[in-house]
């Protein structure tokens, strides 16, 4: 339940950086960030881009994994995955965050 709380505390344009050390943790983080970055509208809806609602988060780049040099220097970094998202200036609705987490919450590894 930390991801919704951390996102709610972010100031606009601030970044949320999460390091996951297990693939199941990474799955939760990835699904939460994707759910918060989605606008929730169908792709073929005839609306101009400027009229779309702004999602609370914007994913920055791809997941970063340790390089071969880092793994050689620190073998425990082999499983680490870093993901970054930036908070938008949109009004943040806590219900959206909680719904994003509950859809992909603690039991998400079962799906």
C-alpha atoms as a PDB file:
ATOM      1  CA  UNK A   1       0.000   0.000   0.000  1.00  0.00           C
ATOM      2  CA  UNK A   2       3.062   2.295  -0.113  1.00  0.00           C
ATOM      3  CA  UNK A   3       2.815   3.153  -3.806  1.00  0.00           C
ATOM      4  CA  UNK A   4      -0.504   5.075  -3.581  1.00  0.00           C
ATOM      5  CA  UNK A   5       0.673   6.882  -0.455  1.00  0.00           C
ATOM      6  CA  UNK A   6       4.022   7.830  -1.984  1.00  0.00           C
ATOM      7  CA  UNK A   7       2.340   9.043  -5.166  1.00  0.00           C
ATOM      8  CA  UNK A   8      -0.173  11.109  -3.198  1.00  0.00           C
ATOM      9  CA  UNK A   9       2.659  12.867  -1.333  1.00  0.00           C
ATOM     10  CA  UNK A  10       4.535  13.851  -4.496  1.00  0.00           C
ATOM     11  CA  UNK A  11       4.532  17.482  -5.542  1.00  0.00           C
ATOM     12  CA  UNK A  12       3.718  18.238  -9.183  1.00  0.00           C
ATOM     13  CA  UNK A  13       6.706  17.516 -11.477  1.00  0.00           C
ATOM     14  CA  UNK A  14       8.378  15.432  -8.722  1.00  0.00           C
ATOM     15  CA  UNK A  15       9.645  11.948  -9.545  1.00  0.00           C
ATOM     16  CA  UNK A  16       8.831   8.605  -7.993  1.00  0.00           C
ATOM     17  CA  UNK A  17      11.738   6.151  -8.191  1.00  0.00           C
ATOM     18  CA  UNK A  18      11.185   2.532  -7.174  1.00  0.00           C
ATOM     19  CA  UNK A  19      13.769  -0.248  -6.981  1.00  0.00           C
ATOM     20  CA  UNK A  20      12.335  -3.765  -6.943  1.00  0.00           C
ATOM     21  CA  UNK A  21      14.568  -6.690  -6.004  1.00  0.00           C
ATOM     22  CA  UNK A  22      12.176  -9.478  -6.964  1.00  0.00           C
ATOM     23  CA  UNK A  23      10.233 -10.094 -10.155  1.00  0.00           C
ATOM     24  CA  UNK A  24       6.916 -10.224  -8.275  1.00  0.00           C
ATOM     25  CA  UNK A  25       7.622  -6.858  -6.670  1.00  0.00           C
ATOM     26  CA  UNK A  26       8.529  -5.467 -10.074  1.00  0.00           C
ATOM     27  CA  UNK A  27       5.272  -6.733 -11.528  1.00  0.00           C
ATOM     28  CA  UNK A  28       3.289  -4.845  -8.868  1.00  0.00           C
ATOM     29  CA  UNK A  29       5.258  -1.653  -9.469  1.00  0.00           C
ATOM     30  CA  UNK A  30       4.971  -1.937 -13.263  1.00  0.00           C
ATOM     31  CA  UNK A  31       1.220  -2.538 -13.184  1.00  0.00           C
ATOM     32  CA  UNK A  32       0.625   0.274 -10.700  1.00  0.00           C
ATOM     33  CA  UNK A  33       2.622   2.777 -12.752  1.00  0.00           C
ATOM     34  CA  UNK A  34       0.884   1.738 -15.970  1.00  0.00           C
ATOM     35  CA  UNK A  35      -2.547   2.037 -14.350  1.00  0.00           C
ATOM     36  CA  UNK A  36      -1.746   5.521 -13.032  1.00  0.00           C
ATOM     37  CA  UNK A  37      -0.275   6.625 -16.373  1.00  0.00           C
ATOM     38  CA  UNK A  38      -3.290   5.499 -18.405  1.00  0.00           C
ATOM     39  CA  UNK A  39      -6.020   7.977 -19.254  1.00  0.00           C
ATOM     40  CA  UNK A  40      -8.666   5.243 -19.170  1.00  0.00           C
ATOM     41  CA  UNK A  41     -10.246   6.183 -22.486  1.00  0.00           C
ATOM     42  CA  UNK A  42     -10.514   3.990 -25.595  1.00  0.00           C
ATOM     43  CA  UNK A  43      -7.728   4.577 -28.128  1.00  0.00           C
ATOM     44  CA  UNK A  44     -10.132   5.190 -31.015  1.00  0.00           C
ATOM     45  CA  UNK A  45     -12.200   7.837 -29.211  1.00  0.00           C
ATOM     46  CA  UNK A  46     -12.322  10.966 -31.424  1.00  0.00           C
ATOM     47  CA  UNK A  47     -10.934  13.478 -28.939  1.00  0.00           C
ATOM     48  CA  UNK A  48      -8.045  15.881 -29.513  1.00  0.00           C
ATOM     49  CA  UNK A  49      -4.932  15.188 -27.473  1.00  0.00           C
ATOM     50  CA  UNK A  50      -5.176  18.540 -25.675  1.00  0.00           C
ATOM     51  CA  UNK A  51      -8.723  17.683 -24.533  1.00  0.00           C
ATOM     52  CA  UNK A  52      -7.740  14.359 -22.955  1.00  0.00           C
ATOM     53  CA  UNK A  53      -7.610  14.237 -19.169  1.00  0.00           C
ATOM     54  CA  UNK A  54      -4.066  14.289 -17.857  1.00  0.00           C
ATOM     55  CA  UNK A  55      -3.131  11.128 -15.924  1.00  0.00           C
ATOM     56  CA  UNK A  56      -1.536  11.533 -12.475  1.00  0.00           C
ATOM     57  CA  UNK A  57       1.769   9.906 -13.499  1.00  0.00           C
ATOM     58  CA  UNK A  58       3.945   9.842 -16.593  1.00  0.00           C
ATOM     59  CA  UNK A  59       6.359   6.921 -16.975  1.00  0.00           C
ATOM     60  CA  UNK A  60       9.897   8.047 -17.801  1.00  0.00           C
ATOM     61  CA  UNK A  61      11.934   5.648 -19.905  1.00  0.00           C
ATOM     62  CA  UNK A  62      12.181   1.908 -19.608  1.00  0.00           C
ATOM     63  CA  UNK A  63      13.053  -0.206 -16.606  1.00  0.00           C
ATOM     64  CA  UNK A  64      16.769  -0.024 -15.784  1.00  0.00           C
ATOM     65  CA  UNK A  65      18.663  -3.151 -14.824  1.00  0.00           C
ATOM     66  CA  UNK A  66      22.223  -3.531 -13.580  1.00  0.00           C
ATOM     67  CA  UNK A  67      24.980  -3.650 -16.200  1.00  0.00           C
ATOM     68  CA  UNK A  68      27.428  -6.530 -16.496  1.00  0.00           C
ATOM     69  CA  UNK A  69      30.099  -4.402 -14.810  1.00  0.00           C
ATOM     70  CA  UNK A  70      27.776  -3.613 -11.892  1.00  0.00           C
ATOM     71  CA  UNK A  71      26.837  -7.280 -11.507  1.00  0.00           C
ATOM     72  CA  UNK A  72      30.524  -8.256 -11.503  1.00  0.00           C
ATOM     73  CA  UNK A  73      31.227  -5.676  -8.786  1.00  0.00           C
ATOM     74  CA  UNK A  74      28.032  -6.367  -6.827  1.00  0.00           C
ATOM     75  CA  UNK A  75      26.398  -9.761  -7.557  1.00  0.00           C
ATOM     76  CA  UNK A  76      23.311  -8.918  -5.489  1.00  0.00           C
ATOM     77  CA  UNK A  77      22.398  -6.163  -7.963  1.00  0.00           C
ATOM     78  CA  UNK A  78      21.596  -8.861 -10.557  1.00  0.00           C
ATOM     79  CA  UNK A  79      17.899  -8.920  -9.669  1.00  0.00           C
ATOM     80  CA  UNK A  80      17.358  -5.175  -9.100  1.00  0.00           C
ATOM     81  CA  UNK A  81      15.020  -3.244 -11.423  1.00  0.00           C
ATOM     82  CA  UNK A  82      14.606   0.528 -11.266  1.00  0.00           C
ATOM     83  CA  UNK A  83      11.472   2.284 -12.575  1.00  0.00           C
ATOM     84  CA  UNK A  84      10.839   6.049 -12.694  1.00  0.00           C
ATOM     85  CA  UNK A  85       7.614   8.035 -13.056  1.00  0.00           C
ATOM     86  CA  UNK A  86       6.925  11.754 -12.891  1.00  0.00           C
ATOM     87  CA  UNK A  87       3.909  13.301 -11.172  1.00  0.00           C
ATOM     88  CA  UNK A  88       1.860  15.492 -13.462  1.00  0.00           C
ATOM     89  CA  UNK A  89       0.201  18.746 -12.473  1.00  0.00           C
ATOM     90  CA  UNK A  90      -3.239  17.126 -12.745  1.00  0.00           C
ATOM     91  CA  UNK A  91      -5.439  17.094  -9.668  1.00  0.00           C
ATOM     92  CA  UNK A  92      -4.761  13.828  -7.893  1.00  0.00           C
ATOM     93  CA  UNK A  93      -7.772  11.774  -6.874  1.00  0.00           C
ATOM     94  CA  UNK A  94      -6.875   9.307  -4.067  1.00  0.00           C
ATOM     95  CA  UNK A  95      -9.642   6.988  -5.261  1.00  0.00           C
ATOM     96  CA  UNK A  96      -7.845   6.572  -8.596  1.00  0.00           C
ATOM     97  CA  UNK A  97      -4.619   5.632  -6.837  1.00  0.00           C
ATOM     98  CA  UNK A  98      -6.318   3.174  -4.532  1.00  0.00           C
ATOM     99  CA  UNK A  99      -8.214   1.626  -7.430  1.00  0.00           C
ATOM    100  CA  UNK A 100      -4.985   1.306  -9.448  1.00  0.00           C
ATOM    101  CA  UNK A 101      -3.370  -0.474  -6.521  1.00  0.00           C
ATOM    102  CA  UNK A 102      -6.356  -2.655  -5.681  1.00  0.00           C
ATOM    103  CA  UNK A 103      -6.599  -3.833  -9.298  1.00  0.00           C
ATOM    104  CA  UNK A 104      -2.929  -4.796  -9.196  1.00  0.00           C
ATOM    105  CA  UNK A 105      -2.421  -5.105  -5.456  1.00  0.00           C
ATOM    106  CA  UNK A 106      -0.817  -7.699  -3.207  1.00  0.00           C
ATOM    107  CA  UNK A 107      -2.503 -10.643  -4.929  1.00  0.00           C
ATOM    108  CA  UNK A 108      -1.528  -9.521  -8.441  1.00  0.00           C
ATOM    109  CA  UNK A 109       1.241 -12.130  -8.579  1.00  0.00           C
ATOM    110  CA  UNK A 110      -1.461 -14.795  -8.781  1.00  0.00           C
ATOM    111  CA  UNK A 111      -2.677 -13.617 -12.173  1.00  0.00           C
END
